[in-house]
């Protein structure tokens, strides 16, 4: 995926963080994908290790403002899993499949709804352009913005 639009992005000493907001569904929850990109091409294990010991790293380093991005590239990928529910819910036939993906059109997710990348809220714009080129391993997470879960 490439884009010339401003993005929610923060730059730190050892990594950058990109926030890709999902389009808000009917249930009013606001989900975003966060991509933590280490500066070093082999820096993922150090970043994961640091996040495991410093949970605040993930909590306090999330981008809140949109900035101009000079070169913006993330690879197309698809992530999926099935969540096994309790025996009682299984007996009721409840299964909660989930998938998320990134392609040329944006990001998509499905749990109760299917969404595409939205424009998101613009808090501020930073005039300095940043490159975000995810051409090496990165960490990503999906989070509900208002509840921080």
C-alpha atoms as a PDB file:
ATOM      1  CA  UNK A   1       0.000   0.000   0.000  1.00  0.00           C
ATOM      2  CA  UNK A   2       1.283   3.449  -0.870  1.00  0.00           C
ATOM      3  CA  UNK A   3      -0.262   6.816  -0.106  1.00  0.00           C
ATOM      4  CA  UNK A   4       0.460  10.490  -0.560  1.00  0.00           C
ATOM      5  CA  UNK A   5      -1.974  11.520   2.189  1.00  0.00           C
ATOM      6  CA  UNK A   6      -0.946  12.669   5.650  1.00  0.00           C
ATOM      7  CA  UNK A   7      -0.726   9.798   8.130  1.00  0.00           C
ATOM      8  CA  UNK A   8      -0.876   9.377  11.899  1.00  0.00           C
ATOM      9  CA  UNK A   9       2.805   8.763  12.581  1.00  0.00           C
ATOM     10  CA  UNK A  10       5.345   9.286  15.385  1.00  0.00           C
ATOM     11  CA  UNK A  11       9.122   8.983  15.203  1.00  0.00           C
ATOM     12  CA  UNK A  12      11.216   7.789  18.162  1.00  0.00           C
ATOM     13  CA  UNK A  13      14.921   7.024  18.633  1.00  0.00           C
ATOM     14  CA  UNK A  14      14.738   3.340  17.648  1.00  0.00           C
ATOM     15  CA  UNK A  15      11.414   3.015  15.797  1.00  0.00           C
ATOM     16  CA  UNK A  16       8.470   4.701  14.087  1.00  0.00           C
ATOM     17  CA  UNK A  17       4.778   4.069  14.752  1.00  0.00           C
ATOM     18  CA  UNK A  18       2.050   4.396  12.136  1.00  0.00           C
ATOM     19  CA  UNK A  19      -1.675   4.418  12.962  1.00  0.00           C
ATOM     20  CA  UNK A  20      -4.100   3.299  10.258  1.00  0.00           C
ATOM     21  CA  UNK A  21      -7.681   4.007  11.388  1.00  0.00           C
ATOM     22  CA  UNK A  22     -10.394   1.617  10.296  1.00  0.00           C
ATOM     23  CA  UNK A  23     -13.681   2.986   9.060  1.00  0.00           C
ATOM     24  CA  UNK A  24     -16.103   3.158  11.971  1.00  0.00           C
ATOM     25  CA  UNK A  25     -18.755   0.432  11.892  1.00  0.00           C
ATOM     26  CA  UNK A  26     -22.383   0.532  12.930  1.00  0.00           C
ATOM     27  CA  UNK A  27     -21.557  -0.302  16.565  1.00  0.00           C
ATOM     28  CA  UNK A  28     -19.529   2.937  16.956  1.00  0.00           C
ATOM     29  CA  UNK A  29     -16.321   1.234  18.067  1.00  0.00           C
ATOM     30  CA  UNK A  30     -13.197   2.824  16.575  1.00  0.00           C
ATOM     31  CA  UNK A  31     -10.422   0.391  15.651  1.00  0.00           C
ATOM     32  CA  UNK A  32      -6.947   1.263  14.406  1.00  0.00           C
ATOM     33  CA  UNK A  33      -3.987  -0.791  13.266  1.00  0.00           C
ATOM     34  CA  UNK A  34      -0.656   0.339  14.705  1.00  0.00           C
ATOM     35  CA  UNK A  35       2.555  -0.622  12.923  1.00  0.00           C
ATOM     36  CA  UNK A  36       5.761  -0.409  15.000  1.00  0.00           C
ATOM     37  CA  UNK A  37       8.664  -0.270  12.540  1.00  0.00           C
ATOM     38  CA  UNK A  38      12.171  -0.592  14.007  1.00  0.00           C
ATOM     39  CA  UNK A  39      14.770   1.652  12.408  1.00  0.00           C
ATOM     40  CA  UNK A  40      17.234  -1.243  12.141  1.00  0.00           C
ATOM     41  CA  UNK A  41      16.330  -3.882   9.569  1.00  0.00           C
ATOM     42  CA  UNK A  42      17.124  -6.567  12.167  1.00  0.00           C
ATOM     43  CA  UNK A  43      15.632  -4.601  15.081  1.00  0.00           C
ATOM     44  CA  UNK A  44      12.318  -6.427  15.540  1.00  0.00           C
ATOM     45  CA  UNK A  45      13.498  -8.825  18.260  1.00  0.00           C
ATOM     46  CA  UNK A  46      14.926  -5.927  20.286  1.00  0.00           C
ATOM     47  CA  UNK A  47      11.680  -3.963  19.874  1.00  0.00           C
ATOM     48  CA  UNK A  48       9.542  -6.963  20.914  1.00  0.00           C
ATOM     49  CA  UNK A  49      11.843  -7.602  23.887  1.00  0.00           C
ATOM     50  CA  UNK A  50      11.595  -3.985  24.964  1.00  0.00           C
ATOM     51  CA  UNK A  51       7.790  -4.029  24.610  1.00  0.00           C
ATOM     52  CA  UNK A  52       7.580  -7.224  26.695  1.00  0.00           C
ATOM     53  CA  UNK A  53       9.386  -5.577  29.608  1.00  0.00           C
ATOM     54  CA  UNK A  54       8.039  -2.053  29.150  1.00  0.00           C
ATOM     55  CA  UNK A  55       4.312  -2.295  28.446  1.00  0.00           C
ATOM     56  CA  UNK A  56       4.159   1.504  28.464  1.00  0.00           C
ATOM     57  CA  UNK A  57       6.140   1.412  25.224  1.00  0.00           C
ATOM     58  CA  UNK A  58       3.018   0.330  23.374  1.00  0.00           C
ATOM     59  CA  UNK A  59       0.666   2.519  25.383  1.00  0.00           C
ATOM     60  CA  UNK A  60       2.555   5.817  25.423  1.00  0.00           C
ATOM     61  CA  UNK A  61       4.060   5.828  21.941  1.00  0.00           C
ATOM     62  CA  UNK A  62       0.934   5.904  19.811  1.00  0.00           C
ATOM     63  CA  UNK A  63       0.656   8.622  17.168  1.00  0.00           C
ATOM     64  CA  UNK A  64      -1.987  11.272  17.857  1.00  0.00           C
ATOM     65  CA  UNK A  65      -1.350  13.802  15.104  1.00  0.00           C
ATOM     66  CA  UNK A  66      -1.179  13.541  11.344  1.00  0.00           C
ATOM     67  CA  UNK A  67       2.079  14.343   9.626  1.00  0.00           C
ATOM     68  CA  UNK A  68       3.146  14.694   6.045  1.00  0.00           C
ATOM     69  CA  UNK A  69       4.706  11.507   4.733  1.00  0.00           C
ATOM     70  CA  UNK A  70       7.250  11.717   1.918  1.00  0.00           C
ATOM     71  CA  UNK A  71       7.600   8.040   1.054  1.00  0.00           C
ATOM     72  CA  UNK A  72       4.925   5.728   2.466  1.00  0.00           C
ATOM     73  CA  UNK A  73       5.029   1.995   1.700  1.00  0.00           C
ATOM     74  CA  UNK A  74       3.734  -1.019   3.611  1.00  0.00           C
ATOM     75  CA  UNK A  75       3.501  -4.504   2.165  1.00  0.00           C
ATOM     76  CA  UNK A  76       0.285  -6.285   1.350  1.00  0.00           C
ATOM     77  CA  UNK A  77      -0.412  -8.896   4.001  1.00  0.00           C
ATOM     78  CA  UNK A  78      -3.246 -10.887   5.491  1.00  0.00           C
ATOM     79  CA  UNK A  79      -3.514 -12.096   9.064  1.00  0.00           C
ATOM     80  CA  UNK A  80      -6.227 -14.427  10.335  1.00  0.00           C
ATOM     81  CA  UNK A  81      -7.088 -16.586  13.302  1.00  0.00           C
ATOM     82  CA  UNK A  82     -10.020 -18.391  14.857  1.00  0.00           C
ATOM     83  CA  UNK A  83     -10.814 -17.789  18.497  1.00  0.00           C
ATOM     84  CA  UNK A  84     -11.923 -20.900  20.363  1.00  0.00           C
ATOM     85  CA  UNK A  85     -14.767 -19.998  22.669  1.00  0.00           C
ATOM     86  CA  UNK A  86     -15.823 -21.727  25.835  1.00  0.00           C
ATOM     87  CA  UNK A  87     -17.645 -25.056  25.615  1.00  0.00           C
ATOM     88  CA  UNK A  88     -20.943 -23.349  26.437  1.00  0.00           C
ATOM     89  CA  UNK A  89     -20.571 -20.905  23.558  1.00  0.00           C
ATOM     90  CA  UNK A  90     -19.474 -23.724  21.241  1.00  0.00           C
ATOM     91  CA  UNK A  91     -22.669 -25.586  22.079  1.00  0.00           C
ATOM     92  CA  UNK A  92     -24.576 -22.482  21.025  1.00  0.00           C
ATOM     93  CA  UNK A  93     -22.668 -22.494  17.740  1.00  0.00           C
ATOM     94  CA  UNK A  94     -20.801 -19.263  18.398  1.00  0.00           C
ATOM     95  CA  UNK A  95     -17.470 -18.957  16.563  1.00  0.00           C
ATOM     96  CA  UNK A  96     -15.614 -15.650  16.321  1.00  0.00           C
ATOM     97  CA  UNK A  97     -13.447 -15.662  13.196  1.00  0.00           C
ATOM     98  CA  UNK A  98     -11.289 -12.605  12.575  1.00  0.00           C
ATOM     99  CA  UNK A  99      -9.100 -11.488   9.723  1.00  0.00           C
ATOM    100  CA  UNK A 100      -7.208  -8.374   8.890  1.00  0.00           C
ATOM    101  CA  UNK A 101      -5.367  -7.404   5.781  1.00  0.00           C
ATOM    102  CA  UNK A 102      -3.559  -4.617   4.003  1.00  0.00           C
ATOM    103  CA  UNK A 103      -3.659  -4.162   0.250  1.00  0.00           C
ATOM    104  CA  UNK A 104      -3.508  -1.373  -2.312  1.00  0.00           C
ATOM    105  CA  UNK A 105      -6.980  -0.114  -1.383  1.00  0.00           C
ATOM    106  CA  UNK A 106      -6.250   0.202   2.345  1.00  0.00           C
ATOM    107  CA  UNK A 107      -6.816  -1.939   5.404  1.00  0.00           C
ATOM    108  CA  UNK A 108      -9.717  -4.225   6.092  1.00  0.00           C
ATOM    109  CA  UNK A 109     -11.000  -6.086   9.114  1.00  0.00           C
ATOM    110  CA  UNK A 110     -13.969  -8.261   9.953  1.00  0.00           C
ATOM    111  CA  UNK A 111     -15.358  -9.332  13.273  1.00  0.00           C
ATOM    112  CA  UNK A 112     -18.934  -8.166  13.374  1.00  0.00           C
ATOM    113  CA  UNK A 113     -18.452  -5.754  10.455  1.00  0.00           C
ATOM    114  CA  UNK A 114     -16.152  -5.256   7.494  1.00  0.00           C
ATOM    115  CA  UNK A 115     -14.379  -1.925   7.221  1.00  0.00           C
ATOM    116  CA  UNK A 116     -11.895  -0.082   5.031  1.00  0.00           C
ATOM    117  CA  UNK A 117      -9.343   2.555   5.837  1.00  0.00           C
ATOM    118  CA  UNK A 118     -11.068   5.801   6.765  1.00  0.00           C
ATOM    119  CA  UNK A 119      -9.694   9.298   6.776  1.00  0.00           C
ATOM    120  CA  UNK A 120      -9.730   9.522  10.580  1.00  0.00           C
ATOM    121  CA  UNK A 121      -9.717  12.639  12.705  1.00  0.00           C
ATOM    122  CA  UNK A 122      -7.192  15.322  11.989  1.00  0.00           C
ATOM    123  CA  UNK A 123      -5.874  16.816  15.222  1.00  0.00           C
ATOM    124  CA  UNK A 124      -2.947  18.753  13.771  1.00  0.00           C
ATOM    125  CA  UNK A 125      -0.650  18.592  10.765  1.00  0.00           C
ATOM    126  CA  UNK A 126       3.133  18.654  11.034  1.00  0.00           C
ATOM    127  CA  UNK A 127       4.807  20.351   8.055  1.00  0.00           C
ATOM    128  CA  UNK A 128       7.888  18.101   8.050  1.00  0.00           C
ATOM    129  CA  UNK A 129       7.685  15.025   5.862  1.00  0.00           C
ATOM    130  CA  UNK A 130       8.603  11.560   7.158  1.00  0.00           C
ATOM    131  CA  UNK A 131       9.470   8.379   5.275  1.00  0.00           C
ATOM    132  CA  UNK A 132       7.683   5.203   6.404  1.00  0.00           C
ATOM    133  CA  UNK A 133       8.926   2.271   4.358  1.00  0.00           C
ATOM    134  CA  UNK A 134       8.101  -1.101   5.922  1.00  0.00           C
ATOM    135  CA  UNK A 135      10.619  -3.146   3.930  1.00  0.00           C
ATOM    136  CA  UNK A 136      11.713  -5.228   6.939  1.00  0.00           C
ATOM    137  CA  UNK A 137       9.965  -7.053   9.819  1.00  0.00           C
ATOM    138  CA  UNK A 138       7.625  -4.990  11.991  1.00  0.00           C
ATOM    139  CA  UNK A 139       5.225  -5.414  14.900  1.00  0.00           C
ATOM    140  CA  UNK A 140       1.552  -4.591  14.473  1.00  0.00           C
ATOM    141  CA  UNK A 141      -1.452  -4.538  16.744  1.00  0.00           C
ATOM    142  CA  UNK A 142      -5.111  -3.722  16.369  1.00  0.00           C
ATOM    143  CA  UNK A 143      -6.681  -1.660  19.096  1.00  0.00           C
ATOM    144  CA  UNK A 144     -10.073  -0.194  19.923  1.00  0.00           C
ATOM    145  CA  UNK A 145      -9.248   3.485  20.359  1.00  0.00           C
ATOM    146  CA  UNK A 146     -11.804   4.716  22.910  1.00  0.00           C
ATOM    147  CA  UNK A 147     -11.452   1.790  25.357  1.00  0.00           C
ATOM    148  CA  UNK A 148      -7.709   1.285  24.665  1.00  0.00           C
ATOM    149  CA  UNK A 149      -8.191  -2.469  24.365  1.00  0.00           C
END
